[in-house]
Amino acid sequence: MGHKFFLVILAFIAACIVIVSGPETSSDPAASPADRAHEDLSRFVYPSLTGIEWKAHFVMPQESLERLFGKDWIYVARFNRIDRRHVYPGMTIKVPKNMTDIRNYSPLPSRYEPAAGYPKYILVNITEQWLAAYEYGILKFSTPAATGIAGHLTPLGLFKIDARDKFHSSSLYKTSKGDAQYPMDYAVRFHIDSAHVSYWIHARDLPGRPASHGCIGVYDEEMQHRVYGMPERPLVNDAARLFNWVDDTGEANNETMAPIADGPIVEIRGNLPTYLPPPIRFD
């Protein structure tokens, strides 16, 4: 009995060693087959990545975008539609084989004819998880976006920005810590539905996948630093850039909510990006 018990213990220890050491010795994405948290970003299919060679990288302890890619970290973050706070050990990201392929990466066109007749026009492509700002059809800037999840989809169609609120907050949802209402800094409203639910483009977490309850979120590391204490040095704030571009009257810095009389058109199109199952293995 004692001998058999000893063999069982040895087998258990060996199994534990394999489990612990597996991700270190394997180049395969290591998220679970179910991956309900969608931590394997290499499984998201974006049409614009056709023609760009990349590989899956499993993030190890002590790794961060800065440690992996130095000053090029922002390009990899944009490529993965993710912010620095959401890159953590145990997840898998896409890494380009040639960094020059993504330095000017934007999945949306540099010229968009439907926007040609408008001084300002916002295009949101849900399939690409991306937002672009146009002036008379010419791209001014673009940024990754996090749109609504299944069951809380971002509405499709043509809308118009009608209000702004520099320090808006959600009346329905709290932060992940649960100690405050979810912040929606630099918010611009584009729709109120029949149930009187408002939809905004605003600062939020970008975890590399659809994540909202219908609003459209873009980068704001200042907000994340204020709420979560990281990143230590905020650098990226596309939410503020969009906010000030939408309303360039000089009044956008007012901290109270205010209407916008003739705001930009917002076009939202596409479907949720495809999330592929893991490959079937026979070994």
Protein backbone atom coordinates (compact mmCIF):
# COMPACT_ATOMS: atom_id res chain seq x y z
CA MET A 1 0.00 0.00 0.00
CA GLY A 2 2.81 2.35 0.96
CA HIS A 3 4.67 1.61 -2.31
CA LYS A 4 1.58 2.30 -4.43
CA PHE A 5 0.90 5.53 -2.54
CA PHE A 6 4.49 6.64 -3.18
CA LEU A 7 4.09 5.95 -6.94
CA VAL A 8 0.86 7.96 -7.02
CA ILE A 9 2.60 10.90 -5.36
CA LEU A 10 5.46 10.72 -7.88
CA ALA A 11 3.00 10.69 -10.79
CA PHE A 12 1.18 13.68 -9.35
CA ILE A 13 4.44 15.64 -8.98
CA ALA A 14 5.45 14.78 -12.56
CA ALA A 15 2.09 15.97 -13.86
CA CYS A 16 2.45 19.23 -11.97
CA ILE A 17 5.92 19.77 -13.47
CA VAL A 18 4.52 19.26 -16.99
CA ILE A 19 1.66 21.66 -16.34
CA VAL A 20 3.96 24.35 -14.97
CA SER A 21 6.70 23.99 -17.56
CA GLY A 22 4.46 23.50 -20.60
CA PRO A 23 3.97 27.16 -21.61
CA GLU A 24 7.69 27.84 -21.20
CA THR A 25 8.68 25.15 -23.67
CA SER A 26 5.82 25.39 -26.16
CA SER A 27 5.21 28.08 -28.76
CA ASP A 28 1.52 27.18 -28.98
CA PRO A 29 -1.08 29.56 -27.53
CA ALA A 30 -1.75 28.33 -24.03
CA ALA A 31 -5.23 29.62 -23.30
CA SER A 32 -7.66 26.85 -22.36
CA PRO A 33 -9.60 25.18 -25.20
CA ALA A 34 -12.79 26.88 -24.02
CA ASP A 35 -11.03 30.21 -23.38
CA ARG A 36 -14.21 31.86 -22.14
CA ALA A 37 -12.25 34.99 -21.27
CA HIS A 38 -10.94 35.22 -24.86
CA GLU A 39 -7.37 35.59 -23.61
CA ASP A 40 -5.91 34.15 -26.81
CA LEU A 41 -5.98 37.18 -29.10
CA SER A 42 -4.37 35.16 -31.90
CA ARG A 43 -7.76 33.52 -32.49
CA PHE A 44 -9.50 36.79 -33.45
CA VAL A 45 -9.81 37.11 -37.22
CA TYR A 46 -9.50 40.60 -38.71
CA PRO A 47 -9.76 40.90 -42.51
CA SER A 48 -7.09 43.63 -42.60
CA LEU A 49 -4.43 41.23 -41.31
CA THR A 50 -4.40 39.33 -44.59
CA GLY A 51 -0.94 39.83 -46.05
CA ILE A 52 0.71 40.68 -42.70
CA GLU A 53 2.84 37.87 -41.32
CA TRP A 54 2.59 37.41 -37.57
CA LYS A 55 3.03 34.74 -34.93
CA ALA A 56 1.31 33.97 -31.66
CA HIS A 57 3.25 34.85 -28.50
CA PHE A 58 2.31 33.47 -25.09
CA VAL A 59 3.00 36.18 -22.50
CA MET A 60 5.28 34.91 -19.73
CA PRO A 61 5.74 36.22 -16.18
CA GLN A 62 7.68 39.49 -16.02
CA GLU A 63 6.94 40.20 -19.68
CA SER A 64 5.24 43.41 -20.78
CA LEU A 65 4.83 45.18 -24.09
CA GLU A 66 7.67 47.58 -23.21
CA ARG A 67 10.04 44.78 -22.19
CA LEU A 68 9.24 42.77 -25.30
CA PHE A 69 9.23 45.54 -27.92
CA GLY A 70 10.83 48.66 -26.45
CA LYS A 71 9.66 51.87 -28.11
CA ASP A 72 7.67 49.83 -30.63
CA TRP A 73 5.23 48.63 -27.96
CA ILE A 74 2.48 51.04 -29.11
CA TYR A 75 2.42 49.48 -32.59
CA VAL A 76 1.96 45.99 -31.16
CA ALA A 77 -0.73 47.29 -28.79
CA ARG A 78 -2.66 48.85 -31.67
CA PHE A 79 -2.20 45.73 -33.77
CA ASN A 80 -3.83 43.70 -30.97
CA ARG A 81 -6.49 46.33 -30.11
CA ILE A 82 -5.26 46.19 -26.52
CA ASP A 83 -3.94 48.51 -23.81
CA ARG A 84 -0.88 47.92 -21.63
CA ARG A 85 -2.89 47.08 -18.50
CA HIS A 86 -4.50 44.08 -20.21
CA VAL A 87 -1.26 42.42 -21.36
CA TYR A 88 -0.54 39.93 -18.58
CA PRO A 89 1.05 36.49 -18.14
CA GLY A 90 -1.08 33.67 -19.47
CA MET A 91 -2.56 35.41 -22.47
CA THR A 92 -1.55 35.21 -26.12
CA ILE A 93 -0.97 38.17 -28.43
CA LYS A 94 -0.20 38.60 -32.13
CA VAL A 95 3.37 39.65 -32.90
CA PRO A 96 4.33 40.78 -36.43
CA LYS A 97 7.31 39.05 -37.97
CA ASN A 98 8.40 42.41 -39.37
CA MET A 99 7.68 45.46 -37.20
CA THR A 100 7.76 47.80 -40.21
CA ASP A 101 4.60 46.08 -41.49
CA ILE A 102 2.52 47.58 -38.67
CA ARG A 103 4.07 50.98 -37.96
CA ASN A 104 1.45 52.65 -40.16
CA TYR A 105 -1.19 50.00 -39.65
CA SER A 106 -4.81 51.10 -39.96
CA PRO A 107 -7.50 48.73 -41.21
CA LEU A 108 -9.78 51.53 -42.40
CA PRO A 109 -9.25 53.39 -45.70
CA SER A 110 -7.23 56.58 -46.01
CA ARG A 111 -10.04 57.97 -48.18
CA TYR A 112 -13.71 57.16 -47.58
CA GLU A 113 -16.07 58.43 -50.26
CA PRO A 114 -19.31 58.41 -48.19
CA ALA A 115 -17.61 60.93 -45.87
CA ALA A 116 -16.47 63.24 -48.69
CA GLY A 117 -19.37 65.69 -48.27
CA TYR A 118 -18.92 66.13 -44.51
CA PRO A 119 -16.43 68.31 -42.62
CA LYS A 120 -16.26 65.61 -39.93
CA TYR A 121 -17.32 61.99 -40.14
CA ILE A 122 -16.65 59.01 -37.86
CA LEU A 123 -16.55 55.45 -39.20
CA VAL A 124 -16.64 52.51 -36.78
CA ASN A 125 -15.99 49.04 -38.17
CA ILE A 126 -17.08 46.42 -35.63
CA THR A 127 -15.52 43.56 -37.59
CA GLU A 128 -12.14 45.27 -37.33
CA GLN A 129 -12.73 46.76 -33.85
CA TRP A 130 -11.53 50.11 -35.14
CA LEU A 131 -12.62 53.76 -35.36
CA ALA A 132 -11.56 56.36 -37.95
CA ALA A 133 -12.10 60.12 -38.09
CA TYR A 134 -12.44 61.78 -41.52
CA GLU A 135 -12.56 65.35 -42.78
CA TYR A 136 -14.23 65.60 -46.19
CA GLY A 137 -13.44 61.94 -46.74
CA ILE A 138 -9.74 62.16 -45.86
CA LEU A 139 -8.52 60.16 -42.87
CA LYS A 140 -7.26 62.40 -40.05
CA PHE A 141 -6.57 59.71 -37.46
CA SER A 142 -7.74 56.26 -36.41
CA THR A 143 -7.63 54.14 -33.29
CA PRO A 144 -8.55 50.69 -31.98
CA ALA A 145 -11.99 50.44 -30.42
CA ALA A 146 -13.83 48.07 -28.10
CA THR A 147 -17.49 47.68 -29.08
CA GLY A 148 -20.43 45.81 -27.58
CA ILE A 149 -20.35 42.11 -26.75
CA ALA A 150 -22.93 39.54 -27.86
CA GLY A 151 -26.18 40.34 -26.09
CA HIS A 152 -25.19 43.99 -25.73
CA LEU A 153 -24.31 44.87 -29.31
CA THR A 154 -23.37 48.33 -30.49
CA PRO A 155 -26.20 49.63 -32.73
CA LEU A 156 -25.53 49.70 -36.47
CA GLY A 157 -26.41 52.50 -38.86
CA LEU A 158 -25.97 56.25 -39.24
CA PHE A 159 -26.06 58.48 -36.17
CA LYS A 160 -24.95 61.95 -35.16
CA ILE A 161 -22.96 63.26 -32.20
CA ASP A 162 -25.33 65.43 -30.15
CA ALA A 163 -23.64 65.89 -26.75
CA ARG A 164 -20.32 65.78 -24.93
CA ASP A 165 -19.27 65.21 -21.32
CA LYS A 166 -15.60 65.35 -20.38
CA PHE A 167 -15.98 63.37 -17.16
CA HIS A 168 -19.05 61.25 -17.77
CA SER A 169 -19.62 58.04 -15.80
CA SER A 170 -21.90 55.06 -16.22
CA SER A 171 -25.15 55.01 -14.28
CA LEU A 172 -25.42 51.22 -14.69
CA TYR A 173 -21.95 49.68 -14.41
CA LYS A 174 -19.08 49.81 -11.92
CA THR A 175 -15.32 49.38 -12.28
CA SER A 176 -13.82 45.91 -11.95
CA LYS A 177 -12.96 46.82 -8.34
CA GLY A 178 -16.65 47.53 -7.69
CA ASP A 179 -15.95 50.66 -5.67
CA ALA A 180 -17.06 53.30 -8.18
CA GLN A 181 -19.23 53.84 -11.22
CA TYR A 182 -17.38 53.03 -14.44
CA PRO A 183 -15.65 56.17 -15.74
CA MET A 184 -16.42 57.30 -19.30
CA ASP A 185 -14.01 60.23 -19.70
CA TYR A 186 -14.08 62.30 -22.90
CA ALA A 187 -17.52 61.00 -23.84
CA VAL A 188 -19.45 62.03 -26.94
CA ARG A 189 -23.02 60.75 -27.34
CA PHE A 190 -24.20 59.40 -30.69
CA HIS A 191 -27.54 57.67 -29.95
CA ILE A 192 -30.44 57.34 -27.52
CA ASP A 193 -32.58 54.28 -28.16
CA SER A 194 -36.32 53.71 -27.66
CA ALA A 195 -35.69 52.55 -24.09
CA HIS A 196 -33.86 55.84 -23.40
CA VAL A 197 -30.48 54.11 -23.18
CA SER A 198 -27.65 56.41 -24.26
CA TYR A 199 -24.72 55.23 -26.37
CA TRP A 200 -21.38 57.04 -26.22
CA ILE A 201 -17.89 56.94 -27.65
CA HIS A 202 -15.62 57.32 -24.63
CA ALA A 203 -12.44 56.34 -22.81
CA ARG A 204 -12.41 52.76 -21.54
CA ASP A 205 -10.33 49.62 -21.04
CA LEU A 206 -9.24 47.94 -24.28
CA PRO A 207 -8.74 44.22 -23.60
CA GLY A 208 -8.17 43.29 -27.26
CA ARG A 209 -11.74 42.19 -27.95
CA PRO A 210 -15.35 43.43 -27.90
CA ALA A 211 -15.98 44.32 -24.27
CA SER A 212 -18.66 46.97 -23.78
CA HIS A 213 -22.40 46.97 -23.17
CA GLY A 214 -22.99 48.83 -26.44
CA CYS A 215 -20.84 51.93 -26.19
CA ILE A 216 -17.60 52.35 -28.15
CA GLY A 217 -14.40 52.61 -26.15
CA VAL A 218 -11.03 54.02 -27.18
CA TYR A 219 -7.61 54.42 -25.50
CA ASP A 220 -7.19 56.58 -22.38
CA GLU A 221 -4.26 55.67 -20.15
CA GLU A 222 -4.80 58.74 -17.95
CA MET A 223 -8.17 57.35 -16.86
CA GLN A 224 -6.68 53.91 -16.22
CA HIS A 225 -3.87 55.40 -14.15
CA ARG A 226 -6.36 57.39 -12.09
CA VAL A 227 -8.68 54.44 -11.46
CA TYR A 228 -6.32 51.43 -11.41
CA GLY A 229 -2.90 52.98 -10.76
CA MET A 230 -1.41 51.77 -14.03
CA PRO A 231 0.25 52.28 -16.40
CA GLU A 232 2.74 54.16 -14.27
CA ARG A 233 3.36 56.76 -17.00
CA PRO A 234 0.24 57.37 -19.10
CA LEU A 235 1.14 58.12 -22.71
CA VAL A 236 -1.81 57.24 -24.96
CA ASN A 237 -5.04 59.23 -24.91
CA ASP A 238 -6.97 58.83 -28.16
CA ALA A 239 -10.23 59.54 -26.31
CA ALA A 240 -9.11 63.11 -25.59
CA ARG A 241 -7.96 63.58 -29.17
CA LEU A 242 -11.32 62.47 -30.53
CA PHE A 243 -13.22 64.53 -27.95
CA ASN A 244 -11.40 67.74 -28.90
CA TRP A 245 -11.69 66.98 -32.61
CA VAL A 246 -15.47 66.48 -32.35
CA ASP A 247 -15.93 69.86 -30.67
CA ASP A 248 -13.13 72.26 -31.60
CA THR A 249 -14.98 75.39 -30.45
CA GLY A 250 -12.72 75.75 -27.42
CA GLU A 251 -15.57 74.88 -25.10
CA ALA A 252 -14.85 71.13 -25.06
CA ASN A 253 -12.66 71.50 -21.97
CA ASN A 254 -15.66 72.53 -19.91
CA GLU A 255 -16.26 69.73 -17.45
CA THR A 256 -20.06 69.79 -17.59
CA MET A 257 -22.26 67.95 -20.05
CA ALA A 258 -23.36 70.08 -22.99
CA PRO A 259 -25.21 69.61 -26.28
CA ILE A 260 -23.44 69.74 -29.65
CA ALA A 261 -25.60 71.44 -32.24
CA ASP A 262 -24.13 70.05 -35.45
CA GLY A 263 -21.88 67.18 -34.53
CA PRO A 264 -20.16 64.68 -36.83
CA ILE A 265 -21.98 61.83 -38.52
CA VAL A 266 -21.19 58.43 -36.98
CA GLU A 267 -21.45 55.39 -39.24
CA ILE A 268 -21.29 52.00 -37.53
CA ARG A 269 -21.04 48.86 -39.65
CA GLY A 270 -19.95 45.24 -39.55
CA ASN A 271 -20.38 42.21 -37.32
CA LEU A 272 -18.49 40.92 -34.32
CA PRO A 273 -15.08 39.55 -35.31
CA THR A 274 -14.78 35.80 -35.71
CA TYR A 275 -13.14 33.97 -32.83
CA LEU A 276 -11.64 30.70 -34.03
CA PRO A 277 -11.60 27.52 -31.93
CA PRO A 278 -8.18 26.08 -31.11
CA PRO A 279 -6.67 23.72 -33.72
CA ILE A 280 -7.39 20.01 -33.35
CA ARG A 281 -4.32 18.17 -32.09
CA PHE A 282 -3.69 14.44 -32.49
CA ASP A 283 -0.52 14.07 -30.40
